[in-house]
Amino acid sequence: MIAYVLYNRNTPAERTAADLMKRLKTEQVEAELLDADSPRGIQMAESYDVLGRPAVVLVKADGTPLQIWQGEDSLPSPSDVAYLARQ
């Protein structure tokens, strides 16, 4: 599984997303930080109907989403993501 962390550049949420990425790595979760305005970020947001930023999309190897968290107030703890990623 991989966790995608989507954020918007030059916003307060950018730092939140970067901090979450660091903490996910300490939990040994494969993760990718994506600018939501980049071509890949737009594709990801459209594919999984992500409207809130920052967001975390936990995806199975086949591309099926396992869990999506949207908005700064709804972001998961790194340990929650790690638990689900190990399922």
PDB file of N, CA and C in Angstrom:
ATOM      1  N   MET A   1       0.837  -1.181   0.000  1.00  0.00           N
ATOM      2  CA  MET A   1       0.000   0.000   0.000  1.00  0.00           C
ATOM      3  C   MET A   1       0.878   1.238   0.000  1.00  0.00           C
ATOM      4  N   ILE A   2       0.279   2.306  -0.492  1.00  0.00           N
ATOM      5  CA  ILE A   2       0.980   3.588  -0.502  1.00  0.00           C
ATOM      6  C   ILE A   2       0.012   4.675  -0.042  1.00  0.00           C
ATOM      7  N   ALA A   3       0.538   5.620   0.684  1.00  0.00           N
ATOM      8  CA  ALA A   3      -0.248   6.767   1.127  1.00  0.00           C
ATOM      9  C   ALA A   3       0.175   7.977   0.304  1.00  0.00           C
ATOM     10  N   TYR A   4      -0.780   8.608  -0.323  1.00  0.00           N
ATOM     11  CA  TYR A   4      -0.522   9.849  -1.060  1.00  0.00           C
ATOM     12  C   TYR A   4      -0.984  11.005  -0.185  1.00  0.00           C
ATOM     13  N   VAL A   5      -0.116  12.001  -0.020  1.00  0.00           N
ATOM     14  CA  VAL A   5      -0.442  13.186   0.766  1.00  0.00           C
ATOM     15  C   VAL A   5      -0.546  14.345  -0.219  1.00  0.00           C
ATOM     16  N   LEU A   6      -1.758  14.852  -0.397  1.00  0.00           N
ATOM     17  CA  LEU A   6      -1.988  15.966  -1.317  1.00  0.00           C
ATOM     18  C   LEU A   6      -2.062  17.265  -0.529  1.00  0.00           C
ATOM     19  N   TYR A   7      -1.485  18.309  -1.080  1.00  0.00           N
ATOM     20  CA  TYR A   7      -1.477  19.616  -0.422  1.00  0.00           C
ATOM     21  C   TYR A   7      -1.444  20.692  -1.490  1.00  0.00           C
ATOM     22  N   ASN A   8      -1.689  21.930  -1.084  1.00  0.00           N
ATOM     23  CA  ASN A   8      -1.534  23.077  -1.968  1.00  0.00           C
ATOM     24  C   ASN A   8      -0.299  23.852  -1.538  1.00  0.00           C
ATOM     25  N   ARG A   9       0.545  24.203  -2.502  1.00  0.00           N
ATOM     26  CA  ARG A   9       1.766  24.962  -2.213  1.00  0.00           C
ATOM     27  C   ARG A   9       1.436  26.348  -1.700  1.00  0.00           C
ATOM     28  N   ASN A  10       2.388  26.868  -0.934  1.00  0.00           N
ATOM     29  CA  ASN A  10       2.303  28.236  -0.412  1.00  0.00           C
ATOM     30  C   ASN A  10       1.053  28.485   0.427  1.00  0.00           C
ATOM     31  N   THR A  11       0.626  27.460   1.151  1.00  0.00           N
ATOM     32  CA  THR A  11      -0.470  27.599   2.101  1.00  0.00           C
ATOM     33  C   THR A  11       0.023  27.074   3.445  1.00  0.00           C
ATOM     34  N   PRO A  12      -0.658  27.421   4.530  1.00  0.00           N
ATOM     35  CA  PRO A  12      -0.260  26.878   5.828  1.00  0.00           C
ATOM     36  C   PRO A  12      -0.299  25.346   5.862  1.00  0.00           C
ATOM     37  N   ALA A  13      -1.142  24.751   5.065  1.00  0.00           N
ATOM     38  CA  ALA A  13      -1.261  23.290   5.038  1.00  0.00           C
ATOM     39  C   ALA A  13      -0.036  22.617   4.423  1.00  0.00           C
ATOM     40  N   GLU A  14       0.790  23.369   3.697  1.00  0.00           N
ATOM     41  CA  GLU A  14       1.983  22.782   3.098  1.00  0.00           C
ATOM     42  C   GLU A  14       2.916  22.244   4.187  1.00  0.00           C
ATOM     43  N   ARG A  15       3.084  23.000   5.236  1.00  0.00           N
ATOM     44  CA  ARG A  15       3.949  22.553   6.338  1.00  0.00           C
ATOM     45  C   ARG A  15       3.334  21.338   7.050  1.00  0.00           C
ATOM     46  N   THR A  16       2.031  21.359   7.234  1.00  0.00           N
ATOM     47  CA  THR A  16       1.338  20.227   7.860  1.00  0.00           C
ATOM     48  C   THR A  16       1.561  18.957   7.058  1.00  0.00           C
ATOM     49  N   ALA A  17       1.433  19.061   5.744  1.00  0.00           N
ATOM     50  CA  ALA A  17       1.627  17.900   4.870  1.00  0.00           C
ATOM     51  C   ALA A  17       3.068  17.403   4.928  1.00  0.00           C
ATOM     52  N   ALA A  18       4.030  18.317   4.927  1.00  0.00           N
ATOM     53  CA  ALA A  18       5.440  17.924   4.990  1.00  0.00           C
ATOM     54  C   ALA A  18       5.759  17.243   6.317  1.00  0.00           C
ATOM     55  N   ASP A  19       5.206  17.762   7.402  1.00  0.00           N
ATOM     56  CA  ASP A  19       5.422  17.137   8.715  1.00  0.00           C
ATOM     57  C   ASP A  19       4.800  15.750   8.763  1.00  0.00           C
ATOM     58  N   LEU A  20       3.619  15.606   8.206  1.00  0.00           N
ATOM     59  CA  LEU A  20       2.964  14.299   8.174  1.00  0.00           C
ATOM     60  C   LEU A  20       3.801  13.303   7.377  1.00  0.00           C
ATOM     61  N   MET A  21       4.373  13.740   6.268  1.00  0.00           N
ATOM     62  CA  MET A  21       5.227  12.865   5.465  1.00  0.00           C
ATOM     63  C   MET A  21       6.408  12.345   6.275  1.00  0.00           C
ATOM     64  N   LYS A  22       7.055  13.229   7.010  1.00  0.00           N
ATOM     65  CA  LYS A  22       8.191  12.819   7.838  1.00  0.00           C
ATOM     66  C   LYS A  22       7.768  11.771   8.864  1.00  0.00           C
ATOM     67  N   ARG A  23       6.628  12.002   9.478  1.00  0.00           N
ATOM     68  CA  ARG A  23       6.145  11.076  10.503  1.00  0.00           C
ATOM     69  C   ARG A  23       5.715   9.740   9.897  1.00  0.00           C
ATOM     70  N   LEU A  24       5.178   9.765   8.683  1.00  0.00           N
ATOM     71  CA  LEU A  24       4.811   8.504   8.011  1.00  0.00           C
ATOM     72  C   LEU A  24       6.063   7.684   7.715  1.00  0.00           C
ATOM     73  N   LYS A  25       7.124   8.352   7.318  1.00  0.00           N
ATOM     74  CA  LYS A  25       8.374   7.639   7.035  1.00  0.00           C
ATOM     75  C   LYS A  25       8.941   6.981   8.293  1.00  0.00           C
ATOM     76  N   THR A  26       8.800   7.637   9.453  1.00  0.00           N
ATOM     77  CA  THR A  26       9.273   7.011  10.687  1.00  0.00           C
ATOM     78  C   THR A  26       8.424   5.797  11.052  1.00  0.00           C
ATOM     79  N   GLU A  27       7.182   5.774  10.575  1.00  0.00           N
ATOM     80  CA  GLU A  27       6.292   4.614  10.779  1.00  0.00           C
ATOM     81  C   GLU A  27       6.504   3.558   9.687  1.00  0.00           C
ATOM     82  N   GLN A  28       7.441   3.830   8.780  1.00  0.00           N
ATOM     83  CA  GLN A  28       7.777   2.942   7.675  1.00  0.00           C
ATOM     84  C   GLN A  28       6.593   2.713   6.720  1.00  0.00           C
ATOM     85  N   VAL A  29       5.858   3.796   6.470  1.00  0.00           N
ATOM     86  CA  VAL A  29       4.759   3.767   5.515  1.00  0.00           C
ATOM     87  C   VAL A  29       5.266   4.341   4.200  1.00  0.00           C
ATOM     88  N   GLU A  30       5.067   3.616   3.129  1.00  0.00           N
ATOM     89  CA  GLU A  30       5.430   4.144   1.811  1.00  0.00           C
ATOM     90  C   GLU A  30       4.479   5.289   1.501  1.00  0.00           C
ATOM     91  N   ALA A  31       5.032   6.461   1.235  1.00  0.00           N
ATOM     92  CA  ALA A  31       4.204   7.644   1.026  1.00  0.00           C
ATOM     93  C   ALA A  31       4.808   8.534  -0.047  1.00  0.00           C
ATOM     94  N   GLU A  32       3.918   9.300  -0.673  1.00  0.00           N
ATOM     95  CA  GLU A  32       4.342  10.246  -1.703  1.00  0.00           C
ATOM     96  C   GLU A  32       3.635  11.570  -1.465  1.00  0.00           C
ATOM     97  N   LEU A  33       4.398  12.650  -1.458  1.00  0.00           N
ATOM     98  CA  LEU A  33       3.865  13.993  -1.277  1.00  0.00           C
ATOM     99  C   LEU A  33       3.555  14.573  -2.647  1.00  0.00           C
ATOM    100  N   LEU A  34       2.316  15.016  -2.848  1.00  0.00           N
ATOM    101  CA  LEU A  34       1.911  15.531  -4.158  1.00  0.00           C
ATOM    102  C   LEU A  34       1.312  16.922  -4.036  1.00  0.00           C
ATOM    103  N   ASP A  35       1.819  17.840  -4.838  1.00  0.00           N
ATOM    104  CA  ASP A  35       1.199  19.154  -4.959  1.00  0.00           C
ATOM    105  C   ASP A  35      -0.120  18.947  -5.698  1.00  0.00           C
ATOM    106  N   ALA A  36      -1.210  19.367  -5.099  1.00  0.00           N
ATOM    107  CA  ALA A  36      -2.535  19.140  -5.689  1.00  0.00           C
ATOM    108  C   ALA A  36      -2.730  19.877  -7.010  1.00  0.00           C
ATOM    109  N   ASP A  37      -1.889  20.868  -7.297  1.00  0.00           N
ATOM    110  CA  ASP A  37      -2.011  21.614  -8.548  1.00  0.00           C
ATOM    111  C   ASP A  37      -1.092  21.091  -9.647  1.00  0.00           C
ATOM    112  N   SER A  38      -0.296  20.067  -9.341  1.00  0.00           N
ATOM    113  CA  SER A  38       0.567  19.458 -10.358  1.00  0.00           C
ATOM    114  C   SER A  38      -0.280  18.491 -11.190  1.00  0.00           C
ATOM    115  N   PRO A  39       0.178  18.140 -12.391  1.00  0.00           N
ATOM    116  CA  PRO A  39      -0.597  17.196 -13.203  1.00  0.00           C
ATOM    117  C   PRO A  39      -0.902  15.881 -12.466  1.00  0.00           C
ATOM    118  N   ARG A  40       0.082  15.342 -11.776  1.00  0.00           N
ATOM    119  CA  ARG A  40      -0.136  14.090 -11.031  1.00  0.00           C
ATOM    120  C   ARG A  40      -1.097  14.300  -9.859  1.00  0.00           C
ATOM    121  N   GLY A  41      -0.979  15.433  -9.171  1.00  0.00           N
ATOM    122  CA  GLY A  41      -1.874  15.748  -8.067  1.00  0.00           C
ATOM    123  C   GLY A  41      -3.301  15.932  -8.522  1.00  0.00           C
ATOM    124  N   ILE A  42      -3.491  16.602  -9.653  1.00  0.00           N
ATOM    125  CA  ILE A  42      -4.835  16.788 -10.212  1.00  0.00           C
ATOM    126  C   ILE A  42      -5.434  15.447 -10.584  1.00  0.00           C
ATOM    127  N   GLN A  43      -4.642  14.597 -11.226  1.00  0.00           N
ATOM    128  CA  GLN A  43      -5.115  13.264 -11.604  1.00  0.00           C
ATOM    129  C   GLN A  43      -5.533  12.467 -10.371  1.00  0.00           C
ATOM    130  N   MET A  44      -4.714  12.517  -9.326  1.00  0.00           N
ATOM    131  CA  MET A  44      -5.008  11.785  -8.094  1.00  0.00           C
ATOM    132  C   MET A  44      -6.299  12.304  -7.458  1.00  0.00           C
ATOM    133  N   ALA A  45      -6.427  13.619  -7.357  1.00  0.00           N
ATOM    134  CA  ALA A  45      -7.619  14.211  -6.749  1.00  0.00           C
ATOM    135  C   ALA A  45      -8.882  13.858  -7.534  1.00  0.00           C
ATOM    136  N   GLU A  46      -8.799  13.891  -8.853  1.00  0.00           N
ATOM    137  CA  GLU A  46      -9.955  13.545  -9.680  1.00  0.00           C
ATOM    138  C   GLU A  46     -10.296  12.060  -9.584  1.00  0.00           C
ATOM    139  N   SER A  47      -9.286  11.219  -9.572  1.00  0.00           N
ATOM    140  CA  SER A  47      -9.508   9.769  -9.522  1.00  0.00           C
ATOM    141  C   SER A  47     -10.190   9.332  -8.234  1.00  0.00           C
ATOM    142  N   TYR A  48      -9.858   9.999  -7.138  1.00  0.00           N
ATOM    143  CA  TYR A  48     -10.386   9.588  -5.832  1.00  0.00           C
ATOM    144  C   TYR A  48     -11.362  10.599  -5.223  1.00  0.00           C
ATOM    145  N   ASP A  49     -11.839  11.550  -6.037  1.00  0.00           N
ATOM    146  CA  ASP A  49     -12.808  12.566  -5.597  1.00  0.00           C
ATOM    147  C   ASP A  49     -12.358  13.306  -4.336  1.00  0.00           C
ATOM    148  N   VAL A  50     -11.123  13.741  -4.330  1.00  0.00           N
ATOM    149  CA  VAL A  50     -10.571  14.471  -3.191  1.00  0.00           C
ATOM    150  C   VAL A  50     -10.794  15.960  -3.429  1.00  0.00           C
ATOM    151  N   LEU A  51     -11.533  16.596  -2.519  1.00  0.00           N
ATOM    152  CA  LEU A  51     -11.808  18.024  -2.633  1.00  0.00           C
ATOM    153  C   LEU A  51     -11.102  18.834  -1.554  1.00  0.00           C
ATOM    154  N   GLY A  52     -10.916  18.266  -0.366  1.00  0.00           N
ATOM    155  CA  GLY A  52     -10.292  18.978   0.739  1.00  0.00           C
ATOM    156  C   GLY A  52      -8.784  18.824   0.726  1.00  0.00           C
ATOM    157  N   ARG A  53      -8.088  19.850   1.198  1.00  0.00           N
ATOM    158  CA  ARG A  53      -6.641  19.806   1.299  1.00  0.00           C
ATOM    159  C   ARG A  53      -6.231  20.249   2.686  1.00  0.00           C
ATOM    160  N   PRO A  54      -5.216  19.727   3.263  1.00  0.00           N
ATOM    161  CA  PRO A  54      -4.477  18.570   2.783  1.00  0.00           C
ATOM    162  C   PRO A  54      -5.339  17.318   2.867  1.00  0.00           C
ATOM    163  N   ALA A  55      -4.879  16.293   2.184  1.00  0.00           N
ATOM    164  CA  ALA A  55      -5.601  15.025   2.168  1.00  0.00           C
ATOM    165  C   ALA A  55      -4.609  13.880   2.162  1.00  0.00           C
ATOM    166  N   VAL A  56      -5.056  12.760   2.695  1.00  0.00           N
ATOM    167  CA  VAL A  56      -4.271  11.532   2.656  1.00  0.00           C
ATOM    168  C   VAL A  56      -5.145  10.474   2.005  1.00  0.00           C
ATOM    169  N   VAL A  57      -4.600   9.839   0.965  1.00  0.00           N
ATOM    170  CA  VAL A  57      -5.303   8.764   0.259  1.00  0.00           C
ATOM    171  C   VAL A  57      -4.448   7.508   0.413  1.00  0.00           C
ATOM    172  N   LEU A  58      -4.988   6.531   1.112  1.00  0.00           N
ATOM    173  CA  LEU A  58      -4.299   5.250   1.296  1.00  0.00           C
ATOM    174  C   LEU A  58      -4.834   4.297   0.240  1.00  0.00           C
ATOM    175  N   VAL A  59      -3.929   3.827  -0.620  1.00  0.00           N
ATOM    176  CA  VAL A  59      -4.316   3.056  -1.806  1.00  0.00           C
ATOM    177  C   VAL A  59      -3.658   1.677  -1.778  1.00  0.00           C
ATOM    178  N   LYS A  60      -4.463   0.661  -2.107  1.00  0.00           N
ATOM    179  CA  LYS A  60      -3.929  -0.700  -2.238  1.00  0.00           C
ATOM    180  C   LYS A  60      -3.083  -0.796  -3.501  1.00  0.00           C
ATOM    181  N   ALA A  61      -2.328  -1.866  -3.639  1.00  0.00           N
ATOM    182  CA  ALA A  61      -1.429  -2.052  -4.783  1.00  0.00           C
ATOM    183  C   ALA A  61      -2.174  -2.030  -6.114  1.00  0.00           C
ATOM    184  N   ASP A  62      -3.441  -2.459  -6.122  1.00  0.00           N
ATOM    185  CA  ASP A  62      -4.212  -2.479  -7.367  1.00  0.00           C
ATOM    186  C   ASP A  62      -4.887  -1.142  -7.676  1.00  0.00           C
ATOM    187  N   GLY A  63      -4.653  -0.129  -6.826  1.00  0.00           N
ATOM    188  CA  GLY A  63      -5.223   1.197  -7.056  1.00  0.00           C
ATOM    189  C   GLY A  63      -6.528   1.449  -6.328  1.00  0.00           C
ATOM    190  N   THR A  64      -7.042   0.454  -5.649  1.00  0.00           N
ATOM    191  CA  THR A  64      -8.287   0.613  -4.901  1.00  0.00           C
ATOM    192  C   THR A  64      -8.020   1.433  -3.637  1.00  0.00           C
ATOM    193  N   PRO A  65      -8.819   2.484  -3.426  1.00  0.00           N
ATOM    194  CA  PRO A  65      -8.597   3.269  -2.213  1.00  0.00           C
ATOM    195  C   PRO A  65      -9.081   2.504  -0.982  1.00  0.00           C
ATOM    196  N   LEU A  66      -8.277   2.516   0.064  1.00  0.00           N
ATOM    197  CA  LEU A  66      -8.652   1.870   1.312  1.00  0.00           C
ATOM    198  C   LEU A  66      -9.279   2.891   2.259  1.00  0.00           C
ATOM    199  N   GLN A  67      -8.680   4.080   2.319  1.00  0.00           N
ATOM    200  CA  GLN A  67      -9.183   5.134   3.203  1.00  0.00           C
ATOM    201  C   GLN A  67      -8.758   6.480   2.647  1.00  0.00           C
ATOM    202  N   ILE A  68      -9.637   7.475   2.798  1.00  0.00           N
ATOM    203  CA  ILE A  68      -9.335   8.839   2.363  1.00  0.00           C
ATOM    204  C   ILE A  68      -9.686   9.780   3.508  1.00  0.00           C
ATOM    205  N   TRP A  69      -8.736  10.630   3.867  1.00  0.00           N
ATOM    206  CA  TRP A  69      -8.950  11.657   4.877  1.00  0.00           C
ATOM    207  C   TRP A  69      -8.781  13.003   4.186  1.00  0.00           C
ATOM    208  N   GLN A  70      -9.705  13.939   4.407  1.00  0.00           N
ATOM    209  CA  GLN A  70      -9.643  15.234   3.739  1.00  0.00           C
ATOM    210  C   GLN A  70      -9.787  16.366   4.744  1.00  0.00           C
ATOM    211  N   GLY A  71      -8.980  17.389   4.582  1.00  0.00           N
ATOM    212  CA  GLY A  71      -9.050  18.560   5.434  1.00  0.00           C
ATOM    213  C   GLY A  71      -8.107  18.461   6.616  1.00  0.00           C
ATOM    214  N   GLU A  72      -7.575  19.598   7.012  1.00  0.00           N
ATOM    215  CA  GLU A  72      -6.566  19.635   8.073  1.00  0.00           C
ATOM    216  C   GLU A  72      -7.092  19.074   9.397  1.00  0.00           C
ATOM    217  N   ASP A  73      -8.361  19.289   9.675  1.00  0.00           N
ATOM    218  CA  ASP A  73      -8.946  18.802  10.928  1.00  0.00           C
ATOM    219  C   ASP A  73      -9.218  17.305  10.917  1.00  0.00           C
ATOM    220  N   SER A  74      -9.168  16.684   9.753  1.00  0.00           N
ATOM    221  CA  SER A  74      -9.485  15.259   9.627  1.00  0.00           C
ATOM    222  C   SER A  74      -8.277  14.385   9.328  1.00  0.00           C
ATOM    223  N   LEU A  75      -7.093  14.956   9.329  1.00  0.00           N
ATOM    224  CA  LEU A  75      -5.911  14.162   9.004  1.00  0.00           C
ATOM    225  C   LEU A  75      -5.679  13.076  10.053  1.00  0.00           C
ATOM    226  N   PRO A  76      -5.270  11.904   9.603  1.00  0.00           N
ATOM    227  CA  PRO A  76      -5.049  10.794  10.526  1.00  0.00           C
ATOM    228  C   PRO A  76      -3.704  10.906  11.233  1.00  0.00           C
ATOM    229  N   SER A  77      -3.562  10.150  12.300  1.00  0.00           N
ATOM    230  CA  SER A  77      -2.249  10.055  12.923  1.00  0.00           C
ATOM    231  C   SER A  77      -1.413   9.100  12.076  1.00  0.00           C
ATOM    232  N   PRO A  78      -0.113   9.276  12.064  1.00  0.00           N
ATOM    233  CA  PRO A  78       0.739   8.357  11.301  1.00  0.00           C
ATOM    234  C   PRO A  78       0.568   6.901  11.740  1.00  0.00           C
ATOM    235  N   SER A  79       0.331   6.679  13.024  1.00  0.00           N
ATOM    236  CA  SER A  79       0.157   5.304  13.497  1.00  0.00           C
ATOM    237  C   SER A  79      -1.135   4.688  12.962  1.00  0.00           C
ATOM    238  N   ASP A  80      -2.185   5.491  12.779  1.00  0.00           N
ATOM    239  CA  ASP A  80      -3.432   4.983  12.182  1.00  0.00           C
ATOM    240  C   ASP A  80      -3.203   4.558  10.735  1.00  0.00           C
ATOM    241  N   VAL A  81      -2.466   5.378   9.999  1.00  0.00           N
ATOM    242  CA  VAL A  81      -2.173   5.060   8.596  1.00  0.00           C
ATOM    243  C   VAL A  81      -1.311   3.795   8.545  1.00  0.00           C
ATOM    244  N   ALA A  82      -0.321   3.719   9.409  1.00  0.00           N
ATOM    245  CA  ALA A  82       0.564   2.551   9.440  1.00  0.00           C
ATOM    246  C   ALA A  82      -0.224   1.281   9.749  1.00  0.00           C
ATOM    247  N   TYR A  83      -1.141   1.353  10.690  1.00  0.00           N
ATOM    248  CA  TYR A  83      -1.964   0.195  11.048  1.00  0.00           C
ATOM    249  C   TYR A  83      -2.763  -0.296   9.837  1.00  0.00           C
ATOM    250  N   LEU A  84      -3.441   0.642   9.161  1.00  0.00           N
ATOM    251  CA  LEU A  84      -4.236   0.252   7.995  1.00  0.00           C
ATOM    252  C   LEU A  84      -3.370  -0.240   6.845  1.00  0.00           C
ATOM    253  N   ALA A  85      -2.201   0.354   6.671  1.00  0.00           N
ATOM    254  CA  ALA A  85      -1.302  -0.030   5.580  1.00  0.00           C
ATOM    255  C   ALA A  85      -0.779  -1.451   5.758  1.00  0.00           C
ATOM    256  N   ARG A  86      -0.752  -1.922   6.979  1.00  0.00           N
ATOM    257  CA  ARG A  86      -0.230  -3.270   7.253  1.00  0.00           C
ATOM    258  C   ARG A  86      -1.308  -4.335   7.183  1.00  0.00           C
ATOM    259  N   GLN A  87      -2.520  -3.946   6.899  1.00  0.00           N
ATOM    260  CA  GLN A  87      -3.630  -4.921   6.832  1.00  0.00           C
ATOM    261  C   GLN A  87      -3.546  -5.774   5.598  1.00  0.00           C
TER     262      GLN A  87
END
